[in-house]
C-alpha cells in the first residue's frame, strides 16, 4: 500500500510542474498571450456582429487586455481555487481510505460512476441533444467534460496505488498530476473562449439597441461630397464658398477610430435593415466634431 505521506506531496509536485513549465514558457509571456487571445475573440466577435470587417481594424495590447479581464477573471479564479484545494482534498481522502481500508472499493466505484455520468452529460451537451426546455449554461460542456475525465483518471490512480500496491515513480506521479492539471485548465480555456464570444455578441447587441448611450454623436465635414445615404443621415452644403470643408453630414455616431480610419454609423443604424458601418479616412480630408444630441431621433423599426 502506498505511503499516505507520499500522496500528500501533491502540492509540491504541482509547484514543481509549474517551475518546469516556467522554464519553457515565461509566465508573463503566457499571461500576455492569453489576454490578447481572449481580448481578440471578444473584440472580433463584437465588430463582426456590428457589420465591420475586422481585418480593417487594429487594436493595441491595452485594448485587448481591457476587453479580456472581465472574461477571464471568474474562470481563472475558480480554476485557482480548485488547484489550491486539490492537495487538501486528496490528502483527506487518502487518510480516510487508509483508516478504513474497506472503503477503497466503494470510493473508487463512486468516483467511476460520477465520472461516467459527467462524461455522458458532456457528450449530450456537445451533441446538442439537451432538452430545449432546459438549455445548458455555457460552462456545462467544459465543466462536465473536465470533471468526468478527472474523476476517471483519479479513480484509476487510487485503485492502482492503494489496492494493488503499485509503486509509481516520482516522474510518473508528476506526469499523472500534470495530466490532471491539464484536464482542469484546458476546459477553463474552452469556457473563456465561449464566454468571450458570448460577451462580444452582448456588447454588439447593447450598442445596436442603445446607440445613444454607447456611442458619441458626431458631425462630419468633408472636402468633397461623400454621397452618404442611410436612414438618419442629412447632407448640407455650407454657404461659405471658401470653406475648407464645404460639405456637412449630420445624423452620425462614431463607432471606433482604428487603423487610420473613422468608422461611423447613422442614428437609425440599429433599426434599419440595410444600414452598415461607414469607413472614413483620417488623412485630413475629413474633420469630425463631437456633438450632444438633446433629443433622441425617431427611427422606424424595420426587419433585420
C-alpha atoms as a PDB file:
ATOM      1  CA  UNK A   1       0.000   0.000   0.000  1.00  0.00           C
ATOM      2  CA  UNK A   2       1.280   3.434  -0.855  1.00  0.00           C
ATOM      3  CA  UNK A   3       2.504   5.691   1.878  1.00  0.00           C
ATOM      4  CA  UNK A   4      -0.004   8.440   2.705  1.00  0.00           C
ATOM      5  CA  UNK A   5       2.842  10.889   3.205  1.00  0.00           C
ATOM      6  CA  UNK A   6       3.937  10.428  -0.387  1.00  0.00           C
ATOM      7  CA  UNK A   7       0.473  11.249  -1.659  1.00  0.00           C
ATOM      8  CA  UNK A   8       0.331  14.383   0.456  1.00  0.00           C
ATOM      9  CA  UNK A   9       3.064  15.858  -1.713  1.00  0.00           C
ATOM     10  CA  UNK A  10       0.615  16.706  -4.490  1.00  0.00           C
ATOM     11  CA  UNK A  11       1.040  20.409  -3.845  1.00  0.00           C
ATOM     12  CA  UNK A  12       4.827  20.095  -4.088  1.00  0.00           C
ATOM     13  CA  UNK A  13       4.505  18.207  -7.371  1.00  0.00           C
ATOM     14  CA  UNK A  14       2.187  20.866  -8.796  1.00  0.00           C
ATOM     15  CA  UNK A  15       4.690  23.545  -7.819  1.00  0.00           C
ATOM     16  CA  UNK A  16       7.458  21.506  -9.448  1.00  0.00           C
ATOM     17  CA  UNK A  17       5.421  21.219 -12.640  1.00  0.00           C
ATOM     18  CA  UNK A  18       4.897  24.972 -12.569  1.00  0.00           C
ATOM     19  CA  UNK A  19       8.646  25.565 -12.319  1.00  0.00           C
ATOM     20  CA  UNK A  20       9.299  23.222 -15.251  1.00  0.00           C
ATOM     21  CA  UNK A  21       6.694  24.971 -17.395  1.00  0.00           C
ATOM     22  CA  UNK A  22       8.103  28.365 -16.378  1.00  0.00           C
ATOM     23  CA  UNK A  23      11.478  27.318 -17.771  1.00  0.00           C
ATOM     24  CA  UNK A  24       9.845  26.595 -21.139  1.00  0.00           C
ATOM     25  CA  UNK A  25       7.362  29.488 -21.353  1.00  0.00           C
ATOM     26  CA  UNK A  26       7.769  32.611 -19.246  1.00  0.00           C
ATOM     27  CA  UNK A  27       4.664  33.236 -17.104  1.00  0.00           C
ATOM     28  CA  UNK A  28       4.397  36.839 -18.297  1.00  0.00           C
ATOM     29  CA  UNK A  29       4.526  35.712 -21.920  1.00  0.00           C
ATOM     30  CA  UNK A  30       1.838  33.110 -21.339  1.00  0.00           C
ATOM     31  CA  UNK A  31      -0.440  35.555 -19.497  1.00  0.00           C
ATOM     32  CA  UNK A  32       0.049  38.249 -22.142  1.00  0.00           C
ATOM     33  CA  UNK A  33      -0.712  35.783 -24.940  1.00  0.00           C
ATOM     34  CA  UNK A  34      -3.798  34.517 -23.140  1.00  0.00           C
ATOM     35  CA  UNK A  35      -5.142  38.022 -22.540  1.00  0.00           C
ATOM     36  CA  UNK A  36      -4.516  39.035 -26.150  1.00  0.00           C
ATOM     37  CA  UNK A  37      -6.260  35.902 -27.424  1.00  0.00           C
ATOM     38  CA  UNK A  38      -9.331  36.372 -25.221  1.00  0.00           C
ATOM     39  CA  UNK A  39      -9.498  40.091 -25.988  1.00  0.00           C
ATOM     40  CA  UNK A  40      -9.134  39.375 -29.694  1.00  0.00           C
ATOM     41  CA  UNK A  41     -12.022  36.886 -29.612  1.00  0.00           C
ATOM     42  CA  UNK A  42     -14.315  39.330 -27.818  1.00  0.00           C
ATOM     43  CA  UNK A  43     -13.482  42.352 -29.986  1.00  0.00           C
ATOM     44  CA  UNK A  44     -13.631  40.459 -33.273  1.00  0.00           C
ATOM     45  CA  UNK A  45     -16.954  38.892 -32.332  1.00  0.00           C
ATOM     46  CA  UNK A  46     -18.418  42.262 -31.374  1.00  0.00           C
ATOM     47  CA  UNK A  47     -17.371  44.128 -34.521  1.00  0.00           C
ATOM     48  CA  UNK A  48     -18.281  41.215 -36.798  1.00  0.00           C
ATOM     49  CA  UNK A  49     -21.775  41.316 -35.296  1.00  0.00           C
ATOM     50  CA  UNK A  50     -21.823  45.070 -35.979  1.00  0.00           C
ATOM     51  CA  UNK A  51     -21.023  44.531 -39.648  1.00  0.00           C
ATOM     52  CA  UNK A  52     -17.395  45.706 -39.597  1.00  0.00           C
ATOM     53  CA  UNK A  53     -14.690  43.725 -41.370  1.00  0.00           C
ATOM     54  CA  UNK A  54     -12.257  43.102 -38.525  1.00  0.00           C
ATOM     55  CA  UNK A  55      -9.313  42.940 -40.936  1.00  0.00           C
ATOM     56  CA  UNK A  56      -9.741  46.720 -41.279  1.00  0.00           C
ATOM     57  CA  UNK A  57      -9.265  47.256 -37.543  1.00  0.00           C
ATOM     58  CA  UNK A  58      -6.097  47.492 -35.487  1.00  0.00           C
ATOM     59  CA  UNK A  59      -6.139  47.237 -31.695  1.00  0.00           C
ATOM     60  CA  UNK A  60      -3.435  47.877 -29.124  1.00  0.00           C
ATOM     61  CA  UNK A  61      -2.321  45.494 -26.395  1.00  0.00           C
ATOM     62  CA  UNK A  62      -4.061  47.673 -23.794  1.00  0.00           C
ATOM     63  CA  UNK A  63      -7.366  47.379 -25.667  1.00  0.00           C
ATOM     64  CA  UNK A  64      -7.060  43.598 -25.779  1.00  0.00           C
ATOM     65  CA  UNK A  65      -6.288  43.443 -22.041  1.00  0.00           C
ATOM     66  CA  UNK A  66      -9.191  45.710 -21.078  1.00  0.00           C
ATOM     67  CA  UNK A  67     -11.611  43.520 -23.027  1.00  0.00           C
ATOM     68  CA  UNK A  68     -10.188  40.255 -21.680  1.00  0.00           C
ATOM     69  CA  UNK A  69     -10.041  40.903 -17.924  1.00  0.00           C
ATOM     70  CA  UNK A  70     -13.804  40.721 -17.477  1.00  0.00           C
ATOM     71  CA  UNK A  71     -13.868  37.472 -19.463  1.00  0.00           C
ATOM     72  CA  UNK A  72     -11.006  35.688 -17.704  1.00  0.00           C
ATOM     73  CA  UNK A  73     -11.386  36.756 -14.064  1.00  0.00           C
ATOM     74  CA  UNK A  74     -14.138  34.352 -12.992  1.00  0.00           C
ATOM     75  CA  UNK A  75     -12.924  31.156 -14.773  1.00  0.00           C
ATOM     76  CA  UNK A  76      -9.311  31.662 -13.676  1.00  0.00           C
ATOM     77  CA  UNK A  77     -10.374  32.349 -10.093  1.00  0.00           C
ATOM     78  CA  UNK A  78     -12.382  29.110  -9.979  1.00  0.00           C
ATOM     79  CA  UNK A  79      -9.509  27.113 -11.516  1.00  0.00           C
ATOM     80  CA  UNK A  80      -7.054  28.612  -8.995  1.00  0.00           C
ATOM     81  CA  UNK A  81      -9.310  27.752  -6.059  1.00  0.00           C
ATOM     82  CA  UNK A  82      -9.641  24.164  -7.297  1.00  0.00           C
ATOM     83  CA  UNK A  83      -5.852  23.853  -7.658  1.00  0.00           C
ATOM     84  CA  UNK A  84      -5.315  25.190  -4.149  1.00  0.00           C
ATOM     85  CA  UNK A  85      -7.907  22.864  -2.618  1.00  0.00           C
ATOM     86  CA  UNK A  86      -6.853  19.752  -4.560  1.00  0.00           C
ATOM     87  CA  UNK A  87      -3.889  18.798  -2.288  1.00  0.00           C
ATOM     88  CA  UNK A  88      -6.022  19.099   0.858  1.00  0.00           C
ATOM     89  CA  UNK A  89      -8.935  17.100  -0.562  1.00  0.00           C
ATOM     90  CA  UNK A  90      -6.542  14.469  -1.872  1.00  0.00           C
ATOM     91  CA  UNK A  91      -4.772  14.163   1.495  1.00  0.00           C
ATOM     92  CA  UNK A  92      -8.060  13.853   3.414  1.00  0.00           C
ATOM     93  CA  UNK A  93      -9.322  11.159   1.025  1.00  0.00           C
ATOM     94  CA  UNK A  94      -6.074   9.183   1.329  1.00  0.00           C
ATOM     95  CA  UNK A  95      -6.215   9.320   5.138  1.00  0.00           C
ATOM     96  CA  UNK A  96      -9.846   8.198   5.128  1.00  0.00           C
ATOM     97  CA  UNK A  97      -9.113   5.213   2.863  1.00  0.00           C
ATOM     98  CA  UNK A  98      -6.011   4.342   4.882  1.00  0.00           C
ATOM     99  CA  UNK A  99      -8.026   4.254   8.108  1.00  0.00           C
ATOM    100  CA  UNK A 100     -10.980   2.436   6.510  1.00  0.00           C
ATOM    101  CA  UNK A 101      -9.493   0.042   4.015  1.00  0.00           C
ATOM    102  CA  UNK A 102     -12.873  -1.474   3.179  1.00  0.00           C
ATOM    103  CA  UNK A 103     -13.993   1.897   1.781  1.00  0.00           C
ATOM    104  CA  UNK A 104     -11.448   1.815  -1.059  1.00  0.00           C
ATOM    105  CA  UNK A 105     -13.560  -0.209  -3.488  1.00  0.00           C
ATOM    106  CA  UNK A 106     -16.699   1.789  -2.756  1.00  0.00           C
ATOM    107  CA  UNK A 107     -14.853   5.064  -3.113  1.00  0.00           C
ATOM    108  CA  UNK A 108     -13.393   4.017  -6.456  1.00  0.00           C
ATOM    109  CA  UNK A 109     -16.784   2.873  -7.757  1.00  0.00           C
ATOM    110  CA  UNK A 110     -18.412   6.139  -6.652  1.00  0.00           C
ATOM    111  CA  UNK A 111     -15.740   8.142  -8.475  1.00  0.00           C
ATOM    112  CA  UNK A 112     -16.035   5.971 -11.594  1.00  0.00           C
ATOM    113  CA  UNK A 113     -19.833   6.327 -11.603  1.00  0.00           C
ATOM    114  CA  UNK A 114     -19.713  10.109 -11.149  1.00  0.00           C
ATOM    115  CA  UNK A 115     -17.043  10.380 -13.833  1.00  0.00           C
ATOM    116  CA  UNK A 116     -19.033   8.285 -16.328  1.00  0.00           C
ATOM    117  CA  UNK A 117     -22.215  10.269 -15.659  1.00  0.00           C
ATOM    118  CA  UNK A 118     -20.325  13.560 -16.117  1.00  0.00           C
ATOM    119  CA  UNK A 119     -18.893  12.388 -19.446  1.00  0.00           C
ATOM    120  CA  UNK A 120     -22.338  11.306 -20.678  1.00  0.00           C
ATOM    121  CA  UNK A 121     -23.800  14.688 -19.720  1.00  0.00           C
ATOM    122  CA  UNK A 122     -20.914  16.441 -21.505  1.00  0.00           C
ATOM    123  CA  UNK A 123     -21.383  14.348 -24.668  1.00  0.00           C
ATOM    124  CA  UNK A 124     -25.135  15.021 -24.670  1.00  0.00           C
ATOM    125  CA  UNK A 125     -24.482  18.765 -24.354  1.00  0.00           C
ATOM    126  CA  UNK A 126     -21.798  18.718 -27.084  1.00  0.00           C
ATOM    127  CA  UNK A 127     -24.122  16.783 -29.438  1.00  0.00           C
ATOM    128  CA  UNK A 128     -26.895  19.363 -28.768  1.00  0.00           C
ATOM    129  CA  UNK A 129     -29.302  16.675 -27.595  1.00  0.00           C
ATOM    130  CA  UNK A 130     -30.113  18.622 -24.461  1.00  0.00           C
ATOM    131  CA  UNK A 131     -33.865  19.201 -23.893  1.00  0.00           C
ATOM    132  CA  UNK A 132     -34.879  22.537 -25.381  1.00  0.00           C
ATOM    133  CA  UNK A 133     -36.856  23.421 -22.264  1.00  0.00           C
ATOM    134  CA  UNK A 134     -33.639  23.373 -20.190  1.00  0.00           C
ATOM    135  CA  UNK A 135     -30.721  24.607 -22.267  1.00  0.00           C
ATOM    136  CA  UNK A 136     -27.376  24.023 -20.506  1.00  0.00           C
ATOM    137  CA  UNK A 137     -25.346  27.035 -19.358  1.00  0.00           C
ATOM    138  CA  UNK A 138     -22.208  27.903 -21.383  1.00  0.00           C
ATOM    139  CA  UNK A 139     -19.892  26.283 -18.850  1.00  0.00           C
ATOM    140  CA  UNK A 140     -21.748  22.934 -18.843  1.00  0.00           C
ATOM    141  CA  UNK A 141     -19.781  21.328 -21.682  1.00  0.00           C
ATOM    142  CA  UNK A 142     -16.238  22.065 -20.438  1.00  0.00           C
ATOM    143  CA  UNK A 143     -17.215  21.582 -16.786  1.00  0.00           C
ATOM    144  CA  UNK A 144     -18.730  18.115 -17.119  1.00  0.00           C
ATOM    145  CA  UNK A 145     -16.122  17.009 -19.657  1.00  0.00           C
ATOM    146  CA  UNK A 146     -13.283  18.052 -17.364  1.00  0.00           C
ATOM    147  CA  UNK A 147     -14.956  16.675 -14.232  1.00  0.00           C
ATOM    148  CA  UNK A 148     -15.650  13.305 -15.838  1.00  0.00           C
ATOM    149  CA  UNK A 149     -12.115  12.872 -17.155  1.00  0.00           C
ATOM    150  CA  UNK A 150     -10.560  13.948 -13.843  1.00  0.00           C
ATOM    151  CA  UNK A 151     -12.721  11.581 -11.765  1.00  0.00           C
ATOM    152  CA  UNK A 152     -11.986   8.602 -14.025  1.00  0.00           C
ATOM    153  CA  UNK A 153      -8.234   9.229 -14.096  1.00  0.00           C
ATOM    154  CA  UNK A 154      -8.125   9.869 -10.366  1.00  0.00           C
ATOM    155  CA  UNK A 155     -10.144   6.723  -9.534  1.00  0.00           C
ATOM    156  CA  UNK A 156      -7.749   4.589 -11.570  1.00  0.00           C
ATOM    157  CA  UNK A 157      -4.836   6.221  -9.755  1.00  0.00           C
ATOM    158  CA  UNK A 158      -6.341   5.439  -6.344  1.00  0.00           C
ATOM    159  CA  UNK A 159      -7.090   1.833  -7.245  1.00  0.00           C
ATOM    160  CA  UNK A 160      -3.642   1.214  -8.755  1.00  0.00           C
ATOM    161  CA  UNK A 161      -1.693   2.724  -5.859  1.00  0.00           C
ATOM    162  CA  UNK A 162      -3.791   1.710  -2.833  1.00  0.00           C
ATOM    163  CA  UNK A 163      -5.286  -1.631  -3.868  1.00  0.00           C
ATOM    164  CA  UNK A 164      -2.579  -3.372  -5.865  1.00  0.00           C
ATOM    165  CA  UNK A 165       0.240  -1.651  -4.003  1.00  0.00           C
ATOM    166  CA  UNK A 166       1.724  -0.432  -7.269  1.00  0.00           C
ATOM    167  CA  UNK A 167       4.578   1.962  -6.595  1.00  0.00           C
ATOM    168  CA  UNK A 168       4.654   4.850  -9.047  1.00  0.00           C
ATOM    169  CA  UNK A 169       7.898   6.673  -9.543  1.00  0.00           C
ATOM    170  CA  UNK A 170       8.219  10.361  -8.793  1.00  0.00           C
ATOM    171  CA  UNK A 171       8.384  11.111 -12.520  1.00  0.00           C
ATOM    172  CA  UNK A 172       5.244   9.045 -13.090  1.00  0.00           C
ATOM    173  CA  UNK A 173       3.409  10.913 -10.345  1.00  0.00           C
ATOM    174  CA  UNK A 174       4.386  14.231 -11.898  1.00  0.00           C
ATOM    175  CA  UNK A 175       3.085  13.067 -15.288  1.00  0.00           C
ATOM    176  CA  UNK A 176      -0.214  11.917 -13.766  1.00  0.00           C
ATOM    177  CA  UNK A 177      -0.731  15.085 -11.802  1.00  0.00           C
ATOM    178  CA  UNK A 178       0.272  17.238 -14.737  1.00  0.00           C
ATOM    179  CA  UNK A 179      -2.416  15.434 -16.740  1.00  0.00           C
ATOM    180  CA  UNK A 180      -4.967  16.223 -14.015  1.00  0.00           C
ATOM    181  CA  UNK A 181      -3.962  19.897 -14.043  1.00  0.00           C
ATOM    182  CA  UNK A 182      -4.231  19.950 -17.851  1.00  0.00           C
ATOM    183  CA  UNK A 183      -7.701  18.366 -17.659  1.00  0.00           C
ATOM    184  CA  UNK A 184      -8.687  21.277 -15.444  1.00  0.00           C
ATOM    185  CA  UNK A 185      -7.023  24.120 -17.365  1.00  0.00           C
ATOM    186  CA  UNK A 186      -7.959  23.113 -20.918  1.00  0.00           C
ATOM    187  CA  UNK A 187     -11.731  23.230 -20.285  1.00  0.00           C
ATOM    188  CA  UNK A 188     -11.137  26.511 -18.457  1.00  0.00           C
ATOM    189  CA  UNK A 189      -9.634  27.946 -21.651  1.00  0.00           C
ATOM    190  CA  UNK A 190     -12.532  26.469 -23.626  1.00  0.00           C
ATOM    191  CA  UNK A 191     -15.023  28.182 -21.325  1.00  0.00           C
ATOM    192  CA  UNK A 192     -13.173  31.502 -21.567  1.00  0.00           C
ATOM    193  CA  UNK A 193     -13.295  31.256 -25.374  1.00  0.00           C
ATOM    194  CA  UNK A 194     -17.072  30.651 -25.320  1.00  0.00           C
ATOM    195  CA  UNK A 195     -17.539  33.385 -22.738  1.00  0.00           C
ATOM    196  CA  UNK A 196     -15.565  35.882 -24.832  1.00  0.00           C
ATOM    197  CA  UNK A 197     -17.787  35.181 -27.856  1.00  0.00           C
ATOM    198  CA  UNK A 198     -20.946  35.466 -25.761  1.00  0.00           C
ATOM    199  CA  UNK A 199     -19.842  38.766 -24.241  1.00  0.00           C
ATOM    200  CA  UNK A 200     -18.814  40.078 -27.669  1.00  0.00           C
ATOM    201  CA  UNK A 201     -22.310  39.385 -29.003  1.00  0.00           C
ATOM    202  CA  UNK A 202     -23.826  41.014 -25.911  1.00  0.00           C
ATOM    203  CA  UNK A 203     -21.660  44.112 -26.437  1.00  0.00           C
ATOM    204  CA  UNK A 204     -22.822  44.371 -30.057  1.00  0.00           C
ATOM    205  CA  UNK A 205     -26.455  43.949 -29.038  1.00  0.00           C
ATOM    206  CA  UNK A 206     -26.146  46.707 -26.419  1.00  0.00           C
ATOM    207  CA  UNK A 207     -24.662  49.099 -28.994  1.00  0.00           C
ATOM    208  CA  UNK A 208     -27.386  48.318 -31.516  1.00  0.00           C
ATOM    209  CA  UNK A 209     -30.224  48.713 -29.025  1.00  0.00           C
ATOM    210  CA  UNK A 210     -28.856  51.758 -27.162  1.00  0.00           C
ATOM    211  CA  UNK A 211     -26.509  53.620 -29.527  1.00  0.00           C
ATOM    212  CA  UNK A 212     -27.317  56.975 -27.910  1.00  0.00           C
ATOM    213  CA  UNK A 213     -25.816  55.673 -24.629  1.00  0.00           C
ATOM    214  CA  UNK A 214     -22.888  53.733 -26.077  1.00  0.00           C
ATOM    215  CA  UNK A 215     -21.720  55.930 -28.980  1.00  0.00           C
ATOM    216  CA  UNK A 216     -20.940  59.627 -29.248  1.00  0.00           C
ATOM    217  CA  UNK A 217     -22.732  61.692 -31.907  1.00  0.00           C
ATOM    218  CA  UNK A 218     -20.517  63.400 -34.484  1.00  0.00           C
ATOM    219  CA  UNK A 219     -20.758  65.868 -37.330  1.00  0.00           C
ATOM    220  CA  UNK A 220     -18.618  65.058 -40.377  1.00  0.00           C
ATOM    221  CA  UNK A 221     -17.151  67.819 -42.535  1.00  0.00           C
ATOM    222  CA  UNK A 222     -15.664  66.801 -45.868  1.00  0.00           C
ATOM    223  CA  UNK A 223     -13.684  68.484 -48.624  1.00  0.00           C
ATOM    224  CA  UNK A 224     -15.596  66.534 -51.253  1.00  0.00           C
ATOM    225  CA  UNK A 225     -19.098  65.175 -51.437  1.00  0.00           C
ATOM    226  CA  UNK A 226     -19.222  61.746 -49.739  1.00  0.00           C
ATOM    227  CA  UNK A 227     -22.619  60.592 -51.033  1.00  0.00           C
ATOM    228  CA  UNK A 228     -23.640  59.089 -47.713  1.00  0.00           C
ATOM    229  CA  UNK A 229     -27.154  57.713 -47.952  1.00  0.00           C
ATOM    230  CA  UNK A 230     -28.613  55.906 -44.958  1.00  0.00           C
ATOM    231  CA  UNK A 231     -31.605  56.398 -42.641  1.00  0.00           C
ATOM    232  CA  UNK A 232     -30.910  59.346 -40.339  1.00  0.00           C
ATOM    233  CA  UNK A 233     -28.049  60.956 -42.326  1.00  0.00           C
ATOM    234  CA  UNK A 234     -28.521  64.522 -43.569  1.00  0.00           C
ATOM    235  CA  UNK A 235     -26.223  66.261 -46.051  1.00  0.00           C
ATOM    236  CA  UNK A 236     -25.819  70.033 -46.238  1.00  0.00           C
ATOM    237  CA  UNK A 237     -23.592  72.392 -48.248  1.00  0.00           C
ATOM    238  CA  UNK A 238     -22.033  75.299 -46.374  1.00  0.00           C
ATOM    239  CA  UNK A 239     -22.751  78.765 -47.729  1.00  0.00           C
ATOM    240  CA  UNK A 240     -19.158  79.949 -47.434  1.00  0.00           C
ATOM    241  CA  UNK A 241     -17.539  79.374 -50.864  1.00  0.00           C
ATOM    242  CA  UNK A 242     -14.061  79.493 -49.285  1.00  0.00           C
ATOM    243  CA  UNK A 243     -14.776  76.850 -46.656  1.00  0.00           C
ATOM    244  CA  UNK A 244     -12.099  74.167 -46.466  1.00  0.00           C
ATOM    245  CA  UNK A 245     -14.766  71.557 -45.690  1.00  0.00           C
ATOM    246  CA  UNK A 246     -17.869  72.640 -47.631  1.00  0.00           C
ATOM    247  CA  UNK A 247     -19.943  69.503 -47.066  1.00  0.00           C
ATOM    248  CA  UNK A 248     -21.566  68.717 -43.748  1.00  0.00           C
ATOM    249  CA  UNK A 249     -23.089  65.395 -42.648  1.00  0.00           C
ATOM    250  CA  UNK A 250     -25.168  65.005 -39.502  1.00  0.00           C
ATOM    251  CA  UNK A 251     -27.050  62.067 -38.048  1.00  0.00           C
ATOM    252  CA  UNK A 252     -23.901  60.008 -37.413  1.00  0.00           C
ATOM    253  CA  UNK A 253     -22.283  58.349 -34.431  1.00  0.00           C
ATOM    254  CA  UNK A 254     -18.646  57.338 -34.021  1.00  0.00           C
ATOM    255  CA  UNK A 255     -18.270  53.582 -33.649  1.00  0.00           C
ATOM    256  CA  UNK A 256     -14.469  53.436 -33.415  1.00  0.00           C
ATOM    257  CA  UNK A 257     -11.303  55.094 -34.709  1.00  0.00           C
ATOM    258  CA  UNK A 258      -8.859  52.417 -35.752  1.00  0.00           C
ATOM    259  CA  UNK A 259      -6.175  51.758 -38.363  1.00  0.00           C
ATOM    260  CA  UNK A 260      -6.253  55.382 -39.577  1.00  0.00           C
ATOM    261  CA  UNK A 261      -9.979  55.246 -40.256  1.00  0.00           C
ATOM    262  CA  UNK A 262     -13.159  56.550 -38.663  1.00  0.00           C
ATOM    263  CA  UNK A 263     -15.965  54.012 -38.519  1.00  0.00           C
ATOM    264  CA  UNK A 264     -19.284  55.847 -38.224  1.00  0.00           C
ATOM    265  CA  UNK A 265     -22.885  54.661 -38.206  1.00  0.00           C
ATOM    266  CA  UNK A 266     -26.160  56.529 -38.822  1.00  0.00           C
ATOM    267  CA  UNK A 267     -28.549  57.351 -36.000  1.00  0.00           C
ATOM    268  CA  UNK A 268     -31.049  54.757 -37.218  1.00  0.00           C
ATOM    269  CA  UNK A 269     -28.395  52.143 -37.869  1.00  0.00           C
ATOM    270  CA  UNK A 270     -29.662  49.816 -35.139  1.00  0.00           C
ATOM    271  CA  UNK A 271     -33.175  49.539 -36.616  1.00  0.00           C
ATOM    272  CA  UNK A 272     -32.631  49.950 -40.363  1.00  0.00           C
ATOM    273  CA  UNK A 273     -32.219  46.590 -42.133  1.00  0.00           C
ATOM    274  CA  UNK A 274     -29.853  47.984 -44.799  1.00  0.00           C
ATOM    275  CA  UNK A 275     -27.680  50.203 -42.578  1.00  0.00           C
ATOM    276  CA  UNK A 276     -23.951  49.441 -42.407  1.00  0.00           C
ATOM    277  CA  UNK A 277     -20.898  50.911 -40.742  1.00  0.00           C
ATOM    278  CA  UNK A 278     -19.148  53.549 -42.869  1.00  0.00           C
ATOM    279  CA  UNK A 279     -15.349  53.838 -43.053  1.00  0.00           C
ATOM    280  CA  UNK A 280     -13.903  57.339 -43.499  1.00  0.00           C
ATOM    281  CA  UNK A 281     -10.196  58.169 -43.845  1.00  0.00           C
ATOM    282  CA  UNK A 282      -8.278  60.154 -41.244  1.00  0.00           C
ATOM    283  CA  UNK A 283      -5.967  61.679 -43.873  1.00  0.00           C
ATOM    284  CA  UNK A 284      -7.048  65.287 -43.367  1.00  0.00           C
ATOM    285  CA  UNK A 285      -9.830  65.293 -45.949  1.00  0.00           C
ATOM    286  CA  UNK A 286     -12.330  64.623 -43.165  1.00  0.00           C
ATOM    287  CA  UNK A 287     -12.994  66.549 -39.984  1.00  0.00           C
ATOM    288  CA  UNK A 288     -15.095  65.214 -37.102  1.00  0.00           C
ATOM    289  CA  UNK A 289     -16.773  67.209 -34.370  1.00  0.00           C
ATOM    290  CA  UNK A 290     -18.479  65.594 -31.403  1.00  0.00           C
ATOM    291  CA  UNK A 291     -21.910  66.954 -30.524  1.00  0.00           C
ATOM    292  CA  UNK A 292     -24.511  66.385 -27.849  1.00  0.00           C
ATOM    293  CA  UNK A 293     -27.893  65.311 -29.189  1.00  0.00           C
ATOM    294  CA  UNK A 294     -30.588  66.694 -26.913  1.00  0.00           C
ATOM    295  CA  UNK A 295     -33.458  64.759 -28.494  1.00  0.00           C
ATOM    296  CA  UNK A 296     -33.467  61.089 -29.293  1.00  0.00           C
ATOM    297  CA  UNK A 297     -34.099  60.647 -33.028  1.00  0.00           C
ATOM    298  CA  UNK A 298     -37.196  58.705 -34.047  1.00  0.00           C
ATOM    299  CA  UNK A 299     -36.393  55.661 -36.159  1.00  0.00           C
ATOM    300  CA  UNK A 300     -38.862  53.321 -37.751  1.00  0.00           C
ATOM    301  CA  UNK A 301     -38.421  49.678 -36.911  1.00  0.00           C
ATOM    302  CA  UNK A 302     -37.500  47.506 -39.859  1.00  0.00           C
ATOM    303  CA  UNK A 303     -36.866  43.842 -40.274  1.00  0.00           C
ATOM    304  CA  UNK A 304     -33.296  42.782 -39.962  1.00  0.00           C
END
